Amino acid sequence: MTELFARLYLDENLPIVLAPMIQARGFFVTTAHAEGLLGAVDPDHLQYAASHGYCLVTHNRQHFIRLHNDRINAGQRHADIIIAFVRDVHVLADRLVKRLNTLTADEFVNQLLFL
């Protein structure tokens, strides 16, 4: 069965309070903290998210743009990377929810998105 909405994985660069803000709006969100991945290196965060079909959300633009390009060039899939430029947690939650409502889960594949 295909899911309608993408599921999010928030890396440790994002405020932990963001997860319950998005969950309260009915979306699935997990975090590096909840998954026991605090201190993991960025490729491990992306691999974990990709292996579970989670869209990874981060503030870490530099590393994840490179990791995205490396995966695409190697023919590996991931369920999108969203790079958040917004620091205000309320604005970020609103923008993430809007994005989740705009695309289906199937459309969150191998893209690099910016908020």
PDB file of N, CA and C in Angstrom:
ATOM      1  N   MET A   1       0.831  -1.182   0.000  1.00  0.00           N
ATOM      2  CA  MET A   1       0.000   0.000   0.000  1.00  0.00           C
ATOM      3  C   MET A   1       0.882   1.254   0.000  1.00  0.00           C
ATOM      4  N   THR A   2       0.581   2.166  -0.880  1.00  0.00           N
ATOM      5  CA  THR A   2       1.327   3.405  -0.989  1.00  0.00           C
ATOM      6  C   THR A   2       0.801   4.414   0.024  1.00  0.00           C
ATOM      7  N   GLU A   3       1.734   5.110   0.648  1.00  0.00           N
ATOM      8  CA  GLU A   3       1.345   6.142   1.611  1.00  0.00           C
ATOM      9  C   GLU A   3       1.045   7.436   0.869  1.00  0.00           C
ATOM     10  N   LEU A   4       0.097   8.173   1.383  1.00  0.00           N
ATOM     11  CA  LEU A   4      -0.270   9.444   0.766  1.00  0.00           C
ATOM     12  C   LEU A   4       0.761  10.523   1.083  1.00  0.00           C
ATOM     13  N   PHE A   5       1.184  10.582   2.337  1.00  0.00           N
ATOM     14  CA  PHE A   5       2.091  11.641   2.770  1.00  0.00           C
ATOM     15  C   PHE A   5       3.490  11.103   3.038  1.00  0.00           C
ATOM     16  N   ALA A   6       4.473  11.911   2.718  1.00  0.00           N
ATOM     17  CA  ALA A   6       5.860  11.559   3.015  1.00  0.00           C
ATOM     18  C   ALA A   6       6.062  11.538   4.530  1.00  0.00           C
ATOM     19  N   ARG A   7       7.028  10.738   4.953  1.00  0.00           N
ATOM     20  CA  ARG A   7       7.405  10.676   6.363  1.00  0.00           C
ATOM     21  C   ARG A   7       8.741  11.394   6.509  1.00  0.00           C
ATOM     22  N   LEU A   8       8.891  12.146   7.590  1.00  0.00           N
ATOM     23  CA  LEU A   8      10.078  12.979   7.778  1.00  0.00           C
ATOM     24  C   LEU A   8      11.026  12.409   8.821  1.00  0.00           C
ATOM     25  N   TYR A   9      12.303  12.631   8.567  1.00  0.00           N
ATOM     26  CA  TYR A   9      13.370  12.336   9.519  1.00  0.00           C
ATOM     27  C   TYR A   9      14.121  13.647   9.727  1.00  0.00           C
ATOM     28  N   LEU A  10      14.116  14.166  10.947  1.00  0.00           N
ATOM     29  CA  LEU A  10      14.806  15.409  11.268  1.00  0.00           C
ATOM     30  C   LEU A  10      16.181  15.084  11.833  1.00  0.00           C
ATOM     31  N   ASP A  11      17.226  15.582  11.183  1.00  0.00           N
ATOM     32  CA  ASP A  11      18.549  15.322  11.727  1.00  0.00           C
ATOM     33  C   ASP A  11      18.785  16.189  12.954  1.00  0.00           C
ATOM     34  N   GLU A  12      19.928  16.025  13.573  1.00  0.00           N
ATOM     35  CA  GLU A  12      20.169  16.686  14.850  1.00  0.00           C
ATOM     36  C   GLU A  12      20.470  18.176  14.727  1.00  0.00           C
ATOM     37  N   ASN A  13      20.507  18.721  13.505  1.00  0.00           N
ATOM     38  CA  ASN A  13      20.710  20.154  13.321  1.00  0.00           C
ATOM     39  C   ASN A  13      19.435  20.965  13.526  1.00  0.00           C
ATOM     40  N   LEU A  14      18.306  20.277  13.632  1.00  0.00           N
ATOM     41  CA  LEU A  14      17.019  20.960  13.774  1.00  0.00           C
ATOM     42  C   LEU A  14      16.558  20.928  15.225  1.00  0.00           C
ATOM     43  N   PRO A  15      15.799  21.943  15.637  1.00  0.00           N
ATOM     44  CA  PRO A  15      15.285  21.958  17.018  1.00  0.00           C
ATOM     45  C   PRO A  15      14.341  20.771  17.254  1.00  0.00           C
ATOM     46  N   ILE A  16      14.495  20.095  18.356  1.00  0.00           N
ATOM     47  CA  ILE A  16      13.704  18.914  18.685  1.00  0.00           C
ATOM     48  C   ILE A  16      12.219  19.248  18.785  1.00  0.00           C
ATOM     49  N   VAL A  17      11.881  20.478  19.122  1.00  0.00           N
ATOM     50  CA  VAL A  17      10.486  20.900  19.262  1.00  0.00           C
ATOM     51  C   VAL A  17       9.745  20.883  17.920  1.00  0.00           C
ATOM     52  N   LEU A  18      10.473  20.874  16.819  1.00  0.00           N
ATOM     53  CA  LEU A  18       9.850  20.859  15.500  1.00  0.00           C
ATOM     54  C   LEU A  18       9.042  19.581  15.266  1.00  0.00           C
ATOM     55  N   ALA A  19       9.532  18.452  15.740  1.00  0.00           N
ATOM     56  CA  ALA A  19       8.849  17.169  15.505  1.00  0.00           C
ATOM     57  C   ALA A  19       7.419  17.159  16.048  1.00  0.00           C
ATOM     58  N   PRO A  20       7.196  17.479  17.322  1.00  0.00           N
ATOM     59  CA  PRO A  20       5.807  17.451  17.803  1.00  0.00           C
ATOM     60  C   PRO A  20       4.916  18.506  17.150  1.00  0.00           C
ATOM     61  N   MET A  21       5.495  19.586  16.677  1.00  0.00           N
ATOM     62  CA  MET A  21       4.702  20.604  15.991  1.00  0.00           C
ATOM     63  C   MET A  21       4.126  20.044  14.688  1.00  0.00           C
ATOM     64  N   ILE A  22       4.907  19.238  13.995  1.00  0.00           N
ATOM     65  CA  ILE A  22       4.445  18.646  12.736  1.00  0.00           C
ATOM     66  C   ILE A  22       3.556  17.434  13.011  1.00  0.00           C
ATOM     67  N   GLN A  23       3.914  16.655  14.013  1.00  0.00           N
ATOM     68  CA  GLN A  23       3.086  15.501  14.394  1.00  0.00           C
ATOM     69  C   GLN A  23       1.681  15.941  14.799  1.00  0.00           C
ATOM     70  N   ALA A  24       1.576  17.078  15.464  1.00  0.00           N
ATOM     71  CA  ALA A  24       0.270  17.590  15.901  1.00  0.00           C
ATOM     72  C   ALA A  24      -0.639  17.906  14.715  1.00  0.00           C
ATOM     73  N   ARG A  25      -0.053  18.038  13.548  1.00  0.00           N
ATOM     74  CA  ARG A  25      -0.837  18.317  12.337  1.00  0.00           C
ATOM     75  C   ARG A  25      -1.119  17.027  11.553  1.00  0.00           C
ATOM     76  N   GLY A  26      -0.782  15.888  12.169  1.00  0.00           N
ATOM     77  CA  GLY A  26      -1.156  14.595  11.601  1.00  0.00           C
ATOM     78  C   GLY A  26      -0.120  13.924  10.729  1.00  0.00           C
ATOM     79  N   PHE A  27       1.111  14.402  10.736  1.00  0.00           N
ATOM     80  CA  PHE A  27       2.149  13.819   9.890  1.00  0.00           C
ATOM     81  C   PHE A  27       3.128  12.987  10.710  1.00  0.00           C
ATOM     82  N   PHE A  28       3.738  11.999  10.057  1.00  0.00           N
ATOM     83  CA  PHE A  28       4.743  11.162  10.702  1.00  0.00           C
ATOM     84  C   PHE A  28       6.084  11.889  10.681  1.00  0.00           C
ATOM     85  N   VAL A  29       6.696  11.977  11.846  1.00  0.00           N
ATOM     86  CA  VAL A  29       8.021  12.589  11.975  1.00  0.00           C
ATOM     87  C   VAL A  29       8.809  11.783  12.992  1.00  0.00           C
ATOM     88  N   THR A  30      10.059  11.502  12.655  1.00  0.00           N
ATOM     89  CA  THR A  30      10.978  10.946  13.633  1.00  0.00           C
ATOM     90  C   THR A  30      12.232  11.814  13.629  1.00  0.00           C
ATOM     91  N   THR A  31      13.059  11.620  14.631  1.00  0.00           N
ATOM     92  CA  THR A  31      14.257  12.456  14.772  1.00  0.00           C
ATOM     93  C   THR A  31      15.491  11.596  14.988  1.00  0.00           C
ATOM     94  N   ALA A  32      16.635  12.212  14.775  1.00  0.00           N
ATOM     95  CA  ALA A  32      17.896  11.519  15.061  1.00  0.00           C
ATOM     96  C   ALA A  32      17.924  11.098  16.521  1.00  0.00           C
ATOM     97  N   HIS A  33      17.419  11.936  17.392  1.00  0.00           N
ATOM     98  CA  HIS A  33      17.381  11.621  18.820  1.00  0.00           C
ATOM     99  C   HIS A  33      16.515  10.391  19.080  1.00  0.00           C
ATOM    100  N   ALA A  34      15.302  10.372  18.519  1.00  0.00           N
ATOM    101  CA  ALA A  34      14.380   9.250  18.741  1.00  0.00           C
ATOM    102  C   ALA A  34      14.915   7.936  18.180  1.00  0.00           C
ATOM    103  N   GLU A  35      15.703   8.023  17.120  1.00  0.00           N
ATOM    104  CA  GLU A  35      16.235   6.826  16.470  1.00  0.00           C
ATOM    105  C   GLU A  35      17.610   6.424  17.010  1.00  0.00           C
ATOM    106  N   GLY A  36      18.091   7.136  18.026  1.00  0.00           N
ATOM    107  CA  GLY A  36      19.387   6.799  18.617  1.00  0.00           C
ATOM    108  C   GLY A  36      20.571   7.134  17.735  1.00  0.00           C
ATOM    109  N   LEU A  37      20.423   8.164  16.910  1.00  0.00           N
ATOM    110  CA  LEU A  37      21.485   8.511  15.965  1.00  0.00           C
ATOM    111  C   LEU A  37      22.172   9.843  16.261  1.00  0.00           C
ATOM    112  N   LEU A  38      22.040  10.331  17.491  1.00  0.00           N
ATOM    113  CA  LEU A  38      22.768  11.550  17.838  1.00  0.00           C
ATOM    114  C   LEU A  38      24.260  11.302  17.699  1.00  0.00           C
ATOM    115  N   GLY A  39      24.950  12.225  17.062  1.00  0.00           N
ATOM    116  CA  GLY A  39      26.391  12.085  16.870  1.00  0.00           C
ATOM    117  C   GLY A  39      26.773  11.289  15.636  1.00  0.00           C
ATOM    118  N   ALA A  40      25.799  10.751  14.918  1.00  0.00           N
ATOM    119  CA  ALA A  40      26.105  10.010  13.690  1.00  0.00           C
ATOM    120  C   ALA A  40      26.626  10.969  12.629  1.00  0.00           C
ATOM    121  N   VAL A  41      27.421  10.460  11.720  1.00  0.00           N
ATOM    122  CA  VAL A  41      27.923  11.291  10.626  1.00  0.00           C
ATOM    123  C   VAL A  41      26.823  11.456   9.583  1.00  0.00           C
ATOM    124  N   ASP A  42      26.922  12.512   8.794  1.00  0.00           N
ATOM    125  CA  ASP A  42      25.871  12.850   7.838  1.00  0.00           C
ATOM    126  C   ASP A  42      25.538  11.718   6.861  1.00  0.00           C
ATOM    127  N   PRO A  43      26.527  11.005   6.302  1.00  0.00           N
ATOM    128  CA  PRO A  43      26.158   9.896   5.408  1.00  0.00           C
ATOM    129  C   PRO A  43      25.306   8.833   6.111  1.00  0.00           C
ATOM    130  N   ASP A  44      25.540   8.625   7.398  1.00  0.00           N
ATOM    131  CA  ASP A  44      24.736   7.650   8.139  1.00  0.00           C
ATOM    132  C   ASP A  44      23.308   8.140   8.342  1.00  0.00           C
ATOM    133  N   HIS A  45      23.144   9.434   8.576  1.00  0.00           N
ATOM    134  CA  HIS A  45      21.795   9.994   8.682  1.00  0.00           C
ATOM    135  C   HIS A  45      21.038   9.793   7.367  1.00  0.00           C
ATOM    136  N   LEU A  46      21.699  10.095   6.255  1.00  0.00           N
ATOM    137  CA  LEU A  46      21.039   9.958   4.958  1.00  0.00           C
ATOM    138  C   LEU A  46      20.754   8.496   4.644  1.00  0.00           C
ATOM    139  N   GLN A  47      21.685   7.619   4.946  1.00  0.00           N
ATOM    140  CA  GLN A  47      21.464   6.195   4.701  1.00  0.00           C
ATOM    141  C   GLN A  47      20.301   5.675   5.541  1.00  0.00           C
ATOM    142  N   TYR A  48      20.244   6.078   6.779  1.00  0.00           N
ATOM    143  CA  TYR A  48      19.152   5.648   7.647  1.00  0.00           C
ATOM    144  C   TYR A  48      17.812   6.138   7.094  1.00  0.00           C
ATOM    145  N   ALA A  49      17.758   7.420   6.755  1.00  0.00           N
ATOM    146  CA  ALA A  49      16.517   7.974   6.213  1.00  0.00           C
ATOM    147  C   ALA A  49      16.133   7.265   4.915  1.00  0.00           C
ATOM    148  N   ALA A  50      17.092   7.081   4.041  1.00  0.00           N
ATOM    149  CA  ALA A  50      16.806   6.430   2.752  1.00  0.00           C
ATOM    150  C   ALA A  50      16.324   4.993   2.943  1.00  0.00           C
ATOM    151  N   SER A  51      16.937   4.269   3.856  1.00  0.00           N
ATOM    152  CA  SER A  51      16.576   2.863   4.051  1.00  0.00           C
ATOM    153  C   SER A  51      15.180   2.702   4.651  1.00  0.00           C
ATOM    154  N   HIS A  52      14.672   3.749   5.291  1.00  0.00           N
ATOM    155  CA  HIS A  52      13.330   3.701   5.879  1.00  0.00           C
ATOM    156  C   HIS A  52      12.300   4.490   5.048  1.00  0.00           C
ATOM    157  N   GLY A  53      12.744   5.066   3.951  1.00  0.00           N
ATOM    158  CA  GLY A  53      11.839   5.845   3.113  1.00  0.00           C
ATOM    159  C   GLY A  53      11.466   7.191   3.689  1.00  0.00           C
ATOM    160  N   TYR A  54      12.305   7.702   4.591  1.00  0.00           N
ATOM    161  CA  TYR A  54      12.052   8.997   5.210  1.00  0.00           C
ATOM    162  C   TYR A  54      12.683  10.112   4.386  1.00  0.00           C
ATOM    163  N   CYS A  55      12.000  11.227   4.315  1.00  0.00           N
ATOM    164  CA  CYS A  55      12.557  12.436   3.731  1.00  0.00           C
ATOM    165  C   CYS A  55      13.382  13.126   4.821  1.00  0.00           C
ATOM    166  N   LEU A  56      14.650  13.333   4.560  1.00  0.00           N
ATOM    167  CA  LEU A  56      15.549  13.923   5.553  1.00  0.00           C
ATOM    168  C   LEU A  56      15.428  15.442   5.520  1.00  0.00           C
ATOM    169  N   VAL A  57      15.288  16.035   6.692  1.00  0.00           N
ATOM    170  CA  VAL A  57      15.213  17.492   6.815  1.00  0.00           C
ATOM    171  C   VAL A  57      16.399  17.958   7.643  1.00  0.00           C
ATOM    172  N   THR A  58      17.083  18.999   7.171  1.00  0.00           N
ATOM    173  CA  THR A  58      18.297  19.466   7.821  1.00  0.00           C
ATOM    174  C   THR A  58      18.505  20.963   7.575  1.00  0.00           C
ATOM    175  N   HIS A  59      19.354  21.565   8.382  1.00  0.00           N
ATOM    176  CA  HIS A  59      19.862  22.914   8.108  1.00  0.00           C
ATOM    177  C   HIS A  59      21.233  22.822   7.428  1.00  0.00           C
ATOM    178  N   ASN A  60      21.803  21.642   7.383  1.00  0.00           N
ATOM    179  CA  ASN A  60      23.176  21.433   6.928  1.00  0.00           C
ATOM    180  C   ASN A  60      23.255  21.386   5.397  1.00  0.00           C
ATOM    181  N   ARG A  61      23.260  22.536   4.803  1.00  0.00           N
ATOM    182  CA  ARG A  61      23.248  22.664   3.341  1.00  0.00           C
ATOM    183  C   ARG A  61      24.518  22.103   2.702  1.00  0.00           C
ATOM    184  N   GLN A  62      25.662  22.462   3.206  1.00  0.00           N
ATOM    185  CA  GLN A  62      26.931  22.117   2.571  1.00  0.00           C
ATOM    186  C   GLN A  62      27.102  20.609   2.401  1.00  0.00           C
ATOM    187  N   HIS A  63      26.941  19.852   3.461  1.00  0.00           N
ATOM    188  CA  HIS A  63      27.185  18.408   3.395  1.00  0.00           C
ATOM    189  C   HIS A  63      26.105  17.665   2.617  1.00  0.00           C
ATOM    190  N   PHE A  64      24.849  18.057   2.798  1.00  0.00           N
ATOM    191  CA  PHE A  64      23.781  17.278   2.189  1.00  0.00           C
ATOM    192  C   PHE A  64      23.593  17.561   0.705  1.00  0.00           C
ATOM    193  N   ILE A  65      23.997  18.708   0.221  1.00  0.00           N
ATOM    194  CA  ILE A  65      23.997  18.919  -1.227  1.00  0.00           C
ATOM    195  C   ILE A  65      25.007  17.961  -1.856  1.00  0.00           C
ATOM    196  N   ARG A  66      26.169  17.864  -1.261  1.00  0.00           N
ATOM    197  CA  ARG A  66      27.202  16.949  -1.777  1.00  0.00           C
ATOM    198  C   ARG A  66      26.742  15.498  -1.679  1.00  0.00           C
ATOM    199  N   LEU A  67      26.163  15.127  -0.539  1.00  0.00           N
ATOM    200  CA  LEU A  67      25.690  13.752  -0.370  1.00  0.00           C
ATOM    201  C   LEU A  67      24.572  13.408  -1.365  1.00  0.00           C
ATOM    202  N   HIS A  68      23.700  14.346  -1.606  1.00  0.00           N
ATOM    203  CA  HIS A  68      22.648  14.152  -2.616  1.00  0.00           C
ATOM    204  C   HIS A  68      23.281  13.871  -3.977  1.00  0.00           C
ATOM    205  N   ASN A  69      24.216  14.728  -4.380  1.00  0.00           N
ATOM    206  CA  ASN A  69      24.875  14.554  -5.679  1.00  0.00           C
ATOM    207  C   ASN A  69      25.623  13.232  -5.754  1.00  0.00           C
ATOM    208  N   ASP A  70      26.301  12.848  -4.687  1.00  0.00           N
ATOM    209  CA  ASP A  70      27.024  11.573  -4.660  1.00  0.00           C
ATOM    210  C   ASP A  70      26.065  10.396  -4.853  1.00  0.00           C
ATOM    211  N   ARG A  71      24.929  10.413  -4.160  1.00  0.00           N
ATOM    212  CA  ARG A  71      23.953   9.315  -4.277  1.00  0.00           C
ATOM    213  C   ARG A  71      23.366   9.253  -5.685  1.00  0.00           C
ATOM    214  N   ILE A  72      23.023  10.406  -6.243  1.00  0.00           N
ATOM    215  CA  ILE A  72      22.450  10.433  -7.590  1.00  0.00           C
ATOM    216  C   ILE A  72      23.463   9.905  -8.595  1.00  0.00           C
ATOM    217  N   ASN A  73      24.705  10.359  -8.492  1.00  0.00           N
ATOM    218  CA  ASN A  73      25.752   9.910  -9.410  1.00  0.00           C
ATOM    219  C   ASN A  73      26.043   8.424  -9.276  1.00  0.00           C
ATOM    220  N   ALA A  74      25.814   7.868  -8.096  1.00  0.00           N
ATOM    221  CA  ALA A  74      26.034   6.435  -7.864  1.00  0.00           C
ATOM    222  C   ALA A  74      24.784   5.605  -8.188  1.00  0.00           C
ATOM    223  N   GLY A  75      23.717   6.275  -8.618  1.00  0.00           N
ATOM    224  CA  GLY A  75      22.488   5.565  -8.947  1.00  0.00           C
ATOM    225  C   GLY A  75      21.711   5.082  -7.736  1.00  0.00           C
ATOM    226  N   GLN A  76      21.946   5.714  -6.583  1.00  0.00           N
ATOM    227  CA  GLN A  76      21.246   5.335  -5.350  1.00  0.00           C
ATOM    228  C   GLN A  76      20.070   6.274  -5.128  1.00  0.00           C
ATOM    229  N   ARG A  77      19.001   5.713  -4.588  1.00  0.00           N
ATOM    230  CA  ARG A  77      17.794   6.492  -4.320  1.00  0.00           C
ATOM    231  C   ARG A  77      17.781   7.004  -2.881  1.00  0.00           C
ATOM    232  N   HIS A  78      17.025   8.053  -2.702  1.00  0.00           N
ATOM    233  CA  HIS A  78      16.682   8.526  -1.361  1.00  0.00           C
ATOM    234  C   HIS A  78      15.313   9.179  -1.447  1.00  0.00           C
ATOM    235  N   ALA A  79      14.667   9.372  -0.316  1.00  0.00           N
ATOM    236  CA  ALA A  79      13.316   9.935  -0.297  1.00  0.00           C
ATOM    237  C   ALA A  79      13.361  11.431  -0.055  1.00  0.00           C
ATOM    238  N   ASP A  80      14.149  12.117  -0.797  1.00  0.00           N
ATOM    239  CA  ASP A  80      14.308  13.562  -0.762  1.00  0.00           C
ATOM    240  C   ASP A  80      15.106  14.052   0.438  1.00  0.00           C
ATOM    241  N   ILE A  81      15.723  15.163   0.201  1.00  0.00           N
ATOM    242  CA  ILE A  81      16.412  15.917   1.239  1.00  0.00           C
ATOM    243  C   ILE A  81      15.829  17.317   1.187  1.00  0.00           C
ATOM    244  N   ILE A  82      15.364  17.784   2.321  1.00  0.00           N
ATOM    245  CA  ILE A  82      14.865  19.155   2.417  1.00  0.00           C
ATOM    246  C   ILE A  82      15.865  19.944   3.241  1.00  0.00           C
ATOM    247  N   ILE A  83      16.420  20.955   2.623  1.00  0.00           N
ATOM    248  CA  ILE A  83      17.362  21.828   3.317  1.00  0.00           C
ATOM    249  C   ILE A  83      16.613  23.082   3.735  1.00  0.00           C
ATOM    250  N   ALA A  84      16.560  23.296   5.020  1.00  0.00           N
ATOM    251  CA  ALA A  84      15.803  24.411   5.585  1.00  0.00           C
ATOM    252  C   ALA A  84      16.727  25.591   5.836  1.00  0.00           C
ATOM    253  N   PHE A  85      16.417  26.690   5.202  1.00  0.00           N
ATOM    254  CA  PHE A  85      17.145  27.928   5.450  1.00  0.00           C
ATOM    255  C   PHE A  85      16.481  28.719   6.570  1.00  0.00           C
ATOM    256  N   VAL A  86      15.201  28.464   6.759  1.00  0.00           N
ATOM    257  CA  VAL A  86      14.415  29.162   7.779  1.00  0.00           C
ATOM    258  C   VAL A  86      14.843  28.682   9.160  1.00  0.00           C
ATOM    259  N   ARG A  87      15.073  29.608  10.069  1.00  0.00           N
ATOM    260  CA  ARG A  87      15.472  29.247  11.428  1.00  0.00           C
ATOM    261  C   ARG A  87      14.305  29.315  12.411  1.00  0.00           C
ATOM    262  N   ASP A  88      13.301  30.137  12.112  1.00  0.00           N
ATOM    263  CA  ASP A  88      12.147  30.253  12.996  1.00  0.00           C
ATOM    264  C   ASP A  88      11.361  28.942  12.946  1.00  0.00           C
ATOM    265  N   VAL A  89      11.225  28.268  14.070  1.00  0.00           N
ATOM    266  CA  VAL A  89      10.637  26.937  14.114  1.00  0.00           C
ATOM    267  C   VAL A  89       9.167  26.939  13.697  1.00  0.00           C
ATOM    268  N   HIS A  90       8.437  27.989  13.989  1.00  0.00           N
ATOM    269  CA  HIS A  90       7.020  28.064  13.605  1.00  0.00           C
ATOM    270  C   HIS A  90       6.872  28.226  12.097  1.00  0.00           C
ATOM    271  N   VAL A  91       7.686  29.077  11.515  1.00  0.00           N
ATOM    272  CA  VAL A  91       7.665  29.271  10.064  1.00  0.00           C
ATOM    273  C   VAL A  91       8.110  27.987   9.375  1.00  0.00           C
ATOM    274  N   LEU A  92       9.143  27.349   9.898  1.00  0.00           N
ATOM    275  CA  LEU A  92       9.623  26.108   9.308  1.00  0.00           C
ATOM    276  C   LEU A  92       8.556  25.013   9.368  1.00  0.00           C
ATOM    277  N   ALA A  93       7.889  24.879  10.495  1.00  0.00           N
ATOM    278  CA  ALA A  93       6.820  23.877  10.622  1.00  0.00           C
ATOM    279  C   ALA A  93       5.732  24.153   9.592  1.00  0.00           C
ATOM    280  N   ASP A  94       5.337  25.402   9.443  1.00  0.00           N
ATOM    281  CA  ASP A  94       4.304  25.757   8.462  1.00  0.00           C
ATOM    282  C   ASP A  94       4.744  25.410   7.041  1.00  0.00           C
ATOM    283  N   ARG A  95       5.986  25.709   6.719  1.00  0.00           N
ATOM    284  CA  ARG A  95       6.482  25.441   5.362  1.00  0.00           C
ATOM    285  C   ARG A  95       6.611  23.942   5.103  1.00  0.00           C
ATOM    286  N   LEU A  96       7.039  23.188   6.097  1.00  0.00           N
ATOM    287  CA  LEU A  96       7.130  21.733   5.929  1.00  0.00           C
ATOM    288  C   LEU A  96       5.742  21.121   5.729  1.00  0.00           C
ATOM    289  N   VAL A  97       4.791  21.537   6.519  1.00  0.00           N
ATOM    290  CA  VAL A  97       3.428  21.024   6.385  1.00  0.00           C
ATOM    291  C   VAL A  97       2.853  21.383   5.014  1.00  0.00           C
ATOM    292  N   LYS A  98       3.111  22.591   4.566  1.00  0.00           N
ATOM    293  CA  LYS A  98       2.647  22.993   3.231  1.00  0.00           C
ATOM    294  C   LYS A  98       3.264  22.092   2.163  1.00  0.00           C
ATOM    295  N   ARG A  99       4.552  21.817   2.283  1.00  0.00           N
ATOM    296  CA  ARG A  99       5.235  20.933   1.314  1.00  0.00           C
ATOM    297  C   ARG A  99       4.651  19.527   1.373  1.00  0.00           C
ATOM    298  N   LEU A 100       4.409  19.022   2.574  1.00  0.00           N
ATOM    299  CA  LEU A 100       3.830  17.680   2.726  1.00  0.00           C
ATOM    300  C   LEU A 100       2.434  17.598   2.110  1.00  0.00           C
ATOM    301  N   ASN A 101       1.708  18.680   2.164  1.00  0.00           N
ATOM    302  CA  ASN A 101       0.367  18.712   1.588  1.00  0.00           C
ATOM    303  C   ASN A 101       0.372  18.952   0.083  1.00  0.00           C
ATOM    304  N   THR A 102       1.506  19.356  -0.460  1.00  0.00           N
ATOM    305  CA  THR A 102       1.612  19.679  -1.882  1.00  0.00           C
ATOM    306  C   THR A 102       2.017  18.475  -2.722  1.00  0.00           C
ATOM    307  N   LEU A 103       2.876  17.630  -2.175  1.00  0.00           N
ATOM    308  CA  LEU A 103       3.391  16.463  -2.906  1.00  0.00           C
ATOM    309  C   LEU A 103       2.932  15.182  -2.223  1.00  0.00           C
ATOM    310  N   THR A 104       2.711  14.133  -3.012  1.00  0.00           N
ATOM    311  CA  THR A 104       2.421  12.832  -2.424  1.00  0.00           C
ATOM    312  C   THR A 104       3.735  12.175  -2.017  1.00  0.00           C
ATOM    313  N   ALA A 105       3.644  11.137  -1.231  1.00  0.00           N
ATOM    314  CA  ALA A 105       4.843  10.424  -0.783  1.00  0.00           C
ATOM    315  C   ALA A 105       5.657   9.929  -1.976  1.00  0.00           C
ATOM    316  N   ASP A 106       4.982   9.475  -3.021  1.00  0.00           N
ATOM    317  CA  ASP A 106       5.681   8.967  -4.212  1.00  0.00           C
ATOM    318  C   ASP A 106       6.473  10.040  -4.945  1.00  0.00           C
ATOM    319  N   GLU A 107       6.109  11.292  -4.744  1.00  0.00           N
ATOM    320  CA  GLU A 107       6.811  12.386  -5.409  1.00  0.00           C
ATOM    321  C   GLU A 107       8.049  12.841  -4.639  1.00  0.00           C
ATOM    322  N   PHE A 108       8.230  12.342  -3.439  1.00  0.00           N
ATOM    323  CA  PHE A 108       9.407  12.662  -2.631  1.00  0.00           C
ATOM    324  C   PHE A 108      10.506  11.637  -2.917  1.00  0.00           C
ATOM    325  N   VAL A 109      11.078  11.680  -4.100  1.00  0.00           N
ATOM    326  CA  VAL A 109      12.129  10.724  -4.460  1.00  0.00           C
ATOM    327  C   VAL A 109      13.253  11.454  -5.171  1.00  0.00           C
ATOM    328  N   ASN A 110      14.453  11.336  -4.618  1.00  0.00           N
ATOM    329  CA  ASN A 110      15.685  11.823  -5.229  1.00  0.00           C
ATOM    330  C   ASN A 110      15.704  13.319  -5.518  1.00  0.00           C
ATOM    331  N   GLN A 111      14.921  14.079  -4.805  1.00  0.00           N
ATOM    332  CA  GLN A 111      14.946  15.520  -4.997  1.00  0.00           C
ATOM    333  C   GLN A 111      15.716  16.193  -3.878  1.00  0.00           C
ATOM    334  N   LEU A 112      16.227  17.344  -4.204  1.00  0.00           N
ATOM    335  CA  LEU A 112      16.855  18.209  -3.228  1.00  0.00           C
ATOM    336  C   LEU A 112      15.989  19.463  -3.194  1.00  0.00           C
ATOM    337  N   LEU A 113      15.289  19.652  -2.076  1.00  0.00           N
ATOM    338  CA  LEU A 113      14.343  20.752  -1.946  1.00  0.00           C
ATOM    339  C   LEU A 113      14.860  21.767  -0.931  1.00  0.00           C
ATOM    340  N   PHE A 114      14.453  22.995  -1.115  1.00  0.00           N
ATOM    341  CA  PHE A 114      14.900  24.065  -0.218  1.00  0.00           C
ATOM    342  C   PHE A 114      13.686  24.799   0.345  1.00  0.00           C
ATOM    343  N   LEU A 115      13.728  25.065   1.651  1.00  0.00           N
ATOM    344  CA  LEU A 115      12.682  25.834   2.317  1.00  0.00           C
ATOM    345  C   LEU A 115      13.299  27.048   2.980  1.00  0.00           C
TER     346      LEU A 115
END
